Amino acid sequence: MTPPWSPPTPSPDRLEIIHRYAARWSIEVMIENVKQLIGVGQARNRLAHAVERTVPFGLTCQTLTMLWYATVGHTPTDVTDHRDQAPWYTTTSNPSTADMIGKLRRVLIAAKYQVTRPDQPTPEEIHTIHLAWELNAT
């Protein structure tokens, strides 16, 4: 007989439950990220067809964000930059989903405000042309 103060030994059923829970943990984190960060949890749909499309669309957005980050967006300094901004994250070794989404937003905003036509002159070029016109006018 085991003493009452010793911890119970897990039965095979308990071990199986622990393994299943551990295997499901990454899925639970992904679902939380889709609800909280992508915005699926704040959807205000009323029609059944719209409700059925919201979650798959959110999952697709998260997948595309992670694929973009893995193929194009990742730089080795991302984690160190995050540690500089949030020094309490001393054990962070990989970027989080929030980091990936934040970087994608910054890239999209920067791309939105870039020159859309490469043939469009820069302010320096315009100034040089104005100076040349003034010299020719005199």
N, C-alpha and C. Protein backbone atom coordinates (compact mmCIF):
# COMPACT_ATOMS: atom_id res chain seq x y z
N MET A 1 0.84 -1.19 0.00
CA MET A 1 0.00 0.00 0.00
C MET A 1 0.88 1.24 0.00
N THR A 2 0.49 2.21 -0.80
CA THR A 2 1.25 3.45 -0.86
C THR A 2 0.80 4.40 0.22
N PRO A 3 1.71 5.19 0.73
CA PRO A 3 1.31 6.16 1.76
C PRO A 3 0.39 7.23 1.17
N PRO A 4 -0.49 7.78 2.00
CA PRO A 4 -1.48 8.75 1.50
C PRO A 4 -0.85 10.06 1.02
N TRP A 5 0.35 10.39 1.43
CA TRP A 5 0.97 11.64 1.03
C TRP A 5 1.73 11.55 -0.31
N SER A 6 1.86 10.34 -0.85
CA SER A 6 2.58 10.21 -2.13
C SER A 6 1.62 10.51 -3.28
N PRO A 7 2.15 11.10 -4.35
CA PRO A 7 1.27 11.41 -5.48
C PRO A 7 0.81 10.14 -6.18
N PRO A 8 -0.39 10.16 -6.72
CA PRO A 8 -0.88 8.96 -7.39
C PRO A 8 -0.11 8.71 -8.69
N THR A 9 0.12 7.46 -8.97
CA THR A 9 0.78 7.13 -10.23
C THR A 9 -0.27 7.16 -11.33
N PRO A 10 0.04 7.81 -12.43
CA PRO A 10 -0.96 7.92 -13.49
C PRO A 10 -1.23 6.56 -14.14
N SER A 11 -2.46 6.28 -14.33
CA SER A 11 -2.83 5.05 -15.01
C SER A 11 -2.66 5.26 -16.51
N PRO A 12 -2.67 4.18 -17.30
CA PRO A 12 -2.54 4.38 -18.75
C PRO A 12 -3.62 5.30 -19.33
N ASP A 13 -4.81 5.26 -18.76
CA ASP A 13 -5.86 6.16 -19.24
C ASP A 13 -5.48 7.62 -18.97
N ARG A 14 -4.92 7.88 -17.80
CA ARG A 14 -4.52 9.25 -17.48
C ARG A 14 -3.37 9.71 -18.38
N LEU A 15 -2.41 8.81 -18.62
CA LEU A 15 -1.30 9.17 -19.50
C LEU A 15 -1.79 9.48 -20.91
N GLU A 16 -2.75 8.71 -21.38
CA GLU A 16 -3.30 8.96 -22.71
C GLU A 16 -4.00 10.32 -22.76
N ILE A 17 -4.71 10.65 -21.70
CA ILE A 17 -5.38 11.96 -21.63
C ILE A 17 -4.34 13.08 -21.65
N ILE A 18 -3.25 12.92 -20.90
CA ILE A 18 -2.21 13.94 -20.86
C ILE A 18 -1.57 14.10 -22.24
N HIS A 19 -1.29 13.00 -22.92
CA HIS A 19 -0.70 13.07 -24.26
C HIS A 19 -1.65 13.73 -25.25
N ARG A 20 -2.92 13.42 -25.18
CA ARG A 20 -3.89 14.05 -26.08
C ARG A 20 -4.00 15.54 -25.81
N TYR A 21 -4.00 15.91 -24.55
CA TYR A 21 -4.07 17.33 -24.20
C TYR A 21 -2.83 18.06 -24.71
N ALA A 22 -1.67 17.46 -24.52
CA ALA A 22 -0.42 18.09 -24.99
C ALA A 22 -0.42 18.22 -26.52
N ALA A 23 -0.95 17.22 -27.21
CA ALA A 23 -1.00 17.29 -28.67
C ALA A 23 -1.99 18.35 -29.13
N ARG A 24 -3.01 18.59 -28.37
CA ARG A 24 -4.04 19.56 -28.76
C ARG A 24 -3.67 20.99 -28.39
N TRP A 25 -2.67 21.18 -27.57
CA TRP A 25 -2.36 22.51 -27.06
C TRP A 25 -2.06 23.49 -28.19
N SER A 26 -1.29 23.10 -29.20
CA SER A 26 -0.98 24.02 -30.29
C SER A 26 -2.24 24.41 -31.06
N ILE A 27 -3.19 23.50 -31.15
CA ILE A 27 -4.46 23.81 -31.82
C ILE A 27 -5.24 24.84 -31.00
N GLU A 28 -5.23 24.69 -29.70
CA GLU A 28 -5.93 25.64 -28.83
C GLU A 28 -5.30 27.04 -28.94
N VAL A 29 -3.99 27.10 -28.99
CA VAL A 29 -3.31 28.40 -29.14
C VAL A 29 -3.68 29.03 -30.47
N MET A 30 -3.72 28.22 -31.53
CA MET A 30 -4.09 28.73 -32.84
C MET A 30 -5.52 29.27 -32.84
N ILE A 31 -6.44 28.57 -32.20
CA ILE A 31 -7.83 29.03 -32.14
C ILE A 31 -7.92 30.34 -31.36
N GLU A 32 -7.19 30.45 -30.26
CA GLU A 32 -7.20 31.70 -29.50
C GLU A 32 -6.64 32.85 -30.33
N ASN A 33 -5.56 32.60 -31.08
CA ASN A 33 -4.98 33.65 -31.92
C ASN A 33 -5.96 34.10 -32.99
N VAL A 34 -6.67 33.16 -33.59
CA VAL A 34 -7.63 33.53 -34.64
C VAL A 34 -8.77 34.35 -34.04
N LYS A 35 -9.20 33.98 -32.85
CA LYS A 35 -10.29 34.74 -32.22
C LYS A 35 -9.83 36.11 -31.77
N GLN A 36 -8.69 36.19 -31.09
CA GLN A 36 -8.27 37.44 -30.47
C GLN A 36 -7.50 38.36 -31.41
N LEU A 37 -6.56 37.80 -32.20
CA LEU A 37 -5.68 38.65 -33.00
C LEU A 37 -6.21 38.90 -34.41
N ILE A 38 -6.78 37.88 -35.03
CA ILE A 38 -7.30 38.04 -36.39
C ILE A 38 -8.68 38.69 -36.35
N GLY A 39 -9.43 38.49 -35.28
CA GLY A 39 -10.71 39.16 -35.14
C GLY A 39 -11.93 38.30 -35.35
N VAL A 40 -11.76 36.99 -35.45
CA VAL A 40 -12.91 36.12 -35.66
C VAL A 40 -13.85 36.16 -34.46
N GLY A 41 -13.31 36.35 -33.27
CA GLY A 41 -14.13 36.40 -32.07
C GLY A 41 -15.03 37.62 -31.99
N GLN A 42 -14.73 38.67 -32.76
CA GLN A 42 -15.52 39.89 -32.74
C GLN A 42 -16.47 40.00 -33.93
N ALA A 43 -16.57 38.96 -34.70
CA ALA A 43 -17.44 39.01 -35.88
C ALA A 43 -18.90 39.17 -35.44
N ARG A 44 -19.65 39.97 -36.18
CA ARG A 44 -21.07 40.22 -35.87
C ARG A 44 -21.93 39.74 -37.03
N ASN A 45 -21.84 38.46 -37.30
CA ASN A 45 -22.61 37.88 -38.40
C ASN A 45 -23.96 37.40 -37.90
N ARG A 46 -24.95 37.49 -38.75
CA ARG A 46 -26.28 37.00 -38.39
C ARG A 46 -26.76 35.91 -39.34
N LEU A 47 -26.35 35.98 -40.57
CA LEU A 47 -26.79 34.96 -41.52
C LEU A 47 -25.94 33.70 -41.37
N ALA A 48 -26.57 32.56 -41.51
CA ALA A 48 -25.87 31.28 -41.31
C ALA A 48 -24.71 31.12 -42.28
N HIS A 49 -24.92 31.53 -43.53
CA HIS A 49 -23.86 31.38 -44.52
C HIS A 49 -22.65 32.25 -44.18
N ALA A 50 -22.89 33.46 -43.65
CA ALA A 50 -21.80 34.35 -43.26
C ALA A 50 -21.03 33.78 -42.07
N VAL A 51 -21.75 33.20 -41.13
CA VAL A 51 -21.11 32.60 -39.96
C VAL A 51 -20.22 31.44 -40.39
N GLU A 52 -20.68 30.65 -41.34
CA GLU A 52 -19.90 29.50 -41.80
C GLU A 52 -18.65 29.92 -42.55
N ARG A 53 -18.61 31.14 -43.07
CA ARG A 53 -17.43 31.60 -43.82
C ARG A 53 -16.44 32.35 -42.94
N THR A 54 -16.85 32.87 -41.82
CA THR A 54 -16.00 33.75 -41.02
C THR A 54 -14.79 33.01 -40.46
N VAL A 55 -15.00 31.88 -39.81
CA VAL A 55 -13.89 31.15 -39.19
C VAL A 55 -12.92 30.63 -40.25
N PRO A 56 -13.38 29.98 -41.32
CA PRO A 56 -12.40 29.56 -42.34
C PRO A 56 -11.62 30.72 -42.94
N PHE A 57 -12.29 31.87 -43.12
CA PHE A 57 -11.58 33.04 -43.66
C PHE A 57 -10.51 33.52 -42.67
N GLY A 58 -10.84 33.54 -41.38
CA GLY A 58 -9.86 33.93 -40.37
C GLY A 58 -8.68 32.97 -40.32
N LEU A 59 -8.96 31.67 -40.41
CA LEU A 59 -7.88 30.68 -40.44
C LEU A 59 -7.02 30.86 -41.68
N THR A 60 -7.64 31.17 -42.81
CA THR A 60 -6.89 31.41 -44.03
C THR A 60 -6.00 32.64 -43.89
N CYS A 61 -6.54 33.69 -43.28
CA CYS A 61 -5.74 34.91 -43.07
C CYS A 61 -4.54 34.62 -42.18
N GLN A 62 -4.74 33.86 -41.12
CA GLN A 62 -3.63 33.52 -40.23
C GLN A 62 -2.60 32.67 -40.96
N THR A 63 -3.05 31.71 -41.75
CA THR A 63 -2.13 30.86 -42.50
C THR A 63 -1.32 31.68 -43.49
N LEU A 64 -1.98 32.58 -44.21
CA LEU A 64 -1.27 33.42 -45.17
C LEU A 64 -0.27 34.34 -44.48
N THR A 65 -0.63 34.85 -43.31
CA THR A 65 0.29 35.70 -42.56
C THR A 65 1.53 34.92 -42.15
N MET A 66 1.33 33.71 -41.66
CA MET A 66 2.48 32.90 -41.23
C MET A 66 3.33 32.48 -42.43
N LEU A 67 2.70 32.15 -43.54
CA LEU A 67 3.46 31.80 -44.74
C LEU A 67 4.26 33.00 -45.24
N TRP A 68 3.64 34.19 -45.25
CA TRP A 68 4.35 35.39 -45.66
C TRP A 68 5.55 35.62 -44.76
N TYR A 69 5.33 35.50 -43.44
CA TYR A 69 6.41 35.76 -42.50
C TYR A 69 7.54 34.75 -42.66
N ALA A 70 7.19 33.50 -42.87
CA ALA A 70 8.21 32.46 -43.00
C ALA A 70 9.02 32.60 -44.29
N THR A 71 8.38 33.08 -45.34
CA THR A 71 9.07 33.14 -46.63
C THR A 71 9.71 34.50 -46.91
N VAL A 72 9.10 35.59 -46.46
CA VAL A 72 9.57 36.92 -46.83
C VAL A 72 9.82 37.80 -45.61
N GLY A 73 8.96 37.76 -44.63
CA GLY A 73 8.95 38.76 -43.57
C GLY A 73 9.96 38.58 -42.46
N HIS A 74 10.46 37.37 -42.26
CA HIS A 74 11.33 37.12 -41.11
C HIS A 74 12.72 37.71 -41.30
N THR A 75 13.18 38.39 -40.29
CA THR A 75 14.58 38.81 -40.22
C THR A 75 15.13 38.34 -38.88
N PRO A 76 16.42 38.03 -38.82
CA PRO A 76 16.99 37.49 -37.57
C PRO A 76 16.88 38.44 -36.38
N THR A 77 16.71 39.72 -36.63
CA THR A 77 16.66 40.68 -35.52
C THR A 77 15.25 40.87 -34.95
N ASP A 78 14.26 40.16 -35.47
CA ASP A 78 12.89 40.35 -35.00
C ASP A 78 12.74 40.06 -33.51
N VAL A 79 13.31 38.97 -33.06
CA VAL A 79 13.16 38.60 -31.64
C VAL A 79 13.93 39.57 -30.76
N THR A 80 15.13 39.97 -31.16
CA THR A 80 15.88 40.92 -30.34
C THR A 80 15.19 42.28 -30.32
N ASP A 81 14.61 42.69 -31.44
CA ASP A 81 13.84 43.94 -31.45
C ASP A 81 12.66 43.85 -30.50
N HIS A 82 11.99 42.71 -30.49
CA HIS A 82 10.85 42.52 -29.59
C HIS A 82 11.31 42.57 -28.14
N ARG A 83 12.46 41.97 -27.85
CA ARG A 83 12.98 42.02 -26.47
C ARG A 83 13.33 43.44 -26.06
N ASP A 84 13.83 44.24 -27.01
CA ASP A 84 14.15 45.63 -26.69
C ASP A 84 12.89 46.43 -26.36
N GLN A 85 11.81 46.15 -27.08
CA GLN A 85 10.55 46.85 -26.85
C GLN A 85 9.83 46.33 -25.61
N ALA A 86 10.00 45.06 -25.30
CA ALA A 86 9.34 44.44 -24.15
C ALA A 86 10.38 43.65 -23.36
N PRO A 87 11.14 44.30 -22.50
CA PRO A 87 12.25 43.63 -21.82
C PRO A 87 11.82 42.51 -20.87
N TRP A 88 10.54 42.43 -20.53
CA TRP A 88 10.10 41.36 -19.65
C TRP A 88 10.03 40.02 -20.38
N TYR A 89 10.12 40.02 -21.71
CA TYR A 89 10.15 38.78 -22.47
C TYR A 89 11.60 38.35 -22.67
N THR A 90 12.21 37.85 -21.60
CA THR A 90 13.62 37.47 -21.70
C THR A 90 13.81 36.09 -22.30
N THR A 91 12.79 35.27 -22.25
CA THR A 91 12.95 33.90 -22.75
C THR A 91 12.37 33.71 -24.13
N THR A 92 11.92 34.78 -24.77
CA THR A 92 11.34 34.66 -26.10
C THR A 92 12.41 34.24 -27.09
N SER A 93 12.16 33.13 -27.78
CA SER A 93 13.13 32.67 -28.77
C SER A 93 12.55 32.67 -30.17
N ASN A 94 11.24 32.67 -30.28
CA ASN A 94 10.57 32.69 -31.58
C ASN A 94 9.54 33.81 -31.60
N PRO A 95 9.32 34.41 -32.76
CA PRO A 95 8.30 35.45 -32.84
C PRO A 95 6.90 34.87 -32.65
N SER A 96 6.06 35.63 -31.99
CA SER A 96 4.69 35.19 -31.77
C SER A 96 3.82 35.54 -32.97
N THR A 97 2.60 35.05 -32.95
CA THR A 97 1.66 35.40 -34.01
C THR A 97 1.39 36.90 -34.02
N ALA A 98 1.33 37.49 -32.84
CA ALA A 98 1.12 38.95 -32.77
C ALA A 98 2.29 39.70 -33.40
N ASP A 99 3.52 39.20 -33.22
CA ASP A 99 4.67 39.83 -33.86
C ASP A 99 4.57 39.74 -35.37
N MET A 100 4.14 38.58 -35.87
CA MET A 100 4.02 38.38 -37.31
C MET A 100 2.96 39.31 -37.90
N ILE A 101 1.82 39.40 -37.23
CA ILE A 101 0.74 40.27 -37.71
C ILE A 101 1.18 41.74 -37.67
N GLY A 102 1.85 42.12 -36.59
CA GLY A 102 2.33 43.50 -36.48
C GLY A 102 3.31 43.86 -37.57
N LYS A 103 4.22 42.95 -37.89
CA LYS A 103 5.18 43.23 -38.96
C LYS A 103 4.48 43.31 -40.31
N LEU A 104 3.51 42.42 -40.55
CA LEU A 104 2.77 42.47 -41.81
C LEU A 104 2.01 43.79 -41.94
N ARG A 105 1.41 44.26 -40.86
CA ARG A 105 0.70 45.55 -40.89
C ARG A 105 1.65 46.69 -41.22
N ARG A 106 2.83 46.69 -40.59
CA ARG A 106 3.80 47.75 -40.87
C ARG A 106 4.24 47.73 -42.32
N VAL A 107 4.46 46.53 -42.86
CA VAL A 107 4.89 46.42 -44.26
C VAL A 107 3.78 46.89 -45.20
N LEU A 108 2.55 46.51 -44.91
CA LEU A 108 1.43 46.93 -45.76
C LEU A 108 1.23 48.44 -45.72
N ILE A 109 1.34 49.03 -44.53
CA ILE A 109 1.18 50.48 -44.42
C ILE A 109 2.30 51.20 -45.16
N ALA A 110 3.53 50.70 -45.02
CA ALA A 110 4.65 51.32 -45.72
C ALA A 110 4.48 51.21 -47.23
N ALA A 111 3.99 50.07 -47.69
CA ALA A 111 3.79 49.88 -49.14
C ALA A 111 2.66 50.77 -49.65
N LYS A 112 1.68 51.05 -48.82
CA LYS A 112 0.56 51.89 -49.23
C LYS A 112 1.01 53.32 -49.50
N TYR A 113 1.98 53.79 -48.74
CA TYR A 113 2.40 55.18 -48.87
C TYR A 113 3.67 55.36 -49.68
N GLN A 114 4.10 54.31 -50.39
CA GLN A 114 5.24 54.46 -51.29
C GLN A 114 4.76 55.00 -52.63
N VAL A 115 5.71 55.46 -53.42
CA VAL A 115 5.38 55.96 -54.74
C VAL A 115 4.81 54.81 -55.56
N THR A 116 3.65 55.04 -56.16
CA THR A 116 3.00 53.97 -56.90
C THR A 116 3.53 53.83 -58.31
N ARG A 117 4.04 54.94 -58.87
CA ARG A 117 4.59 54.89 -60.23
C ARG A 117 6.09 55.13 -60.14
N PRO A 118 6.90 54.21 -60.62
CA PRO A 118 8.34 54.42 -60.52
C PRO A 118 8.84 55.59 -61.36
N ASP A 119 8.08 56.00 -62.37
CA ASP A 119 8.52 57.11 -63.22
C ASP A 119 8.18 58.47 -62.62
N GLN A 120 7.52 58.48 -61.48
CA GLN A 120 7.15 59.73 -60.84
C GLN A 120 8.40 60.37 -60.22
N PRO A 121 8.66 61.67 -60.48
CA PRO A 121 9.89 62.30 -59.97
C PRO A 121 9.84 62.49 -58.46
N THR A 122 11.02 62.46 -57.86
CA THR A 122 11.14 62.70 -56.42
C THR A 122 11.15 64.21 -56.18
N PRO A 123 10.94 64.64 -54.95
CA PRO A 123 10.98 66.09 -54.66
C PRO A 123 12.32 66.73 -55.01
N GLU A 124 13.42 65.99 -54.82
CA GLU A 124 14.73 66.54 -55.17
C GLU A 124 14.83 66.77 -56.69
N GLU A 125 14.33 65.82 -57.46
CA GLU A 125 14.35 65.98 -58.91
C GLU A 125 13.48 67.16 -59.36
N ILE A 126 12.35 67.33 -58.74
CA ILE A 126 11.47 68.46 -59.06
C ILE A 126 12.18 69.77 -58.75
N HIS A 127 12.84 69.81 -57.59
CA HIS A 127 13.56 71.03 -57.21
C HIS A 127 14.67 71.34 -58.22
N THR A 128 15.42 70.33 -58.65
CA THR A 128 16.48 70.53 -59.64
C THR A 128 15.91 71.05 -60.96
N ILE A 129 14.78 70.52 -61.38
CA ILE A 129 14.14 70.98 -62.61
C ILE A 129 13.69 72.44 -62.47
N HIS A 130 13.13 72.81 -61.32
CA HIS A 130 12.69 74.19 -61.09
C HIS A 130 13.89 75.14 -61.14
N LEU A 131 15.01 74.71 -60.53
CA LEU A 131 16.22 75.54 -60.58
C LEU A 131 16.70 75.71 -62.03
N ALA A 132 16.66 74.64 -62.81
CA ALA A 132 17.08 74.72 -64.20
C ALA A 132 16.17 75.65 -65.00
N TRP A 133 14.89 75.61 -64.73
CA TRP A 133 13.95 76.51 -65.43
C TRP A 133 14.22 77.96 -65.08
N GLU A 134 14.50 78.19 -63.79
CA GLU A 134 14.78 79.56 -63.36
C GLU A 134 16.06 80.08 -64.04
N LEU A 135 17.07 79.23 -64.14
CA LEU A 135 18.31 79.65 -64.79
C LEU A 135 18.07 79.94 -66.28
N ASN A 136 17.25 79.16 -66.92
CA ASN A 136 16.96 79.37 -68.34
C ASN A 136 16.08 80.61 -68.54
N ALA A 137 15.27 80.92 -67.58
CA ALA A 137 14.38 82.07 -67.71
C ALA A 137 15.16 83.38 -67.60
N THR A 138 16.28 83.38 -66.89
CA THR A 138 17.03 84.62 -66.73
C THR A 138 18.05 84.85 -67.81
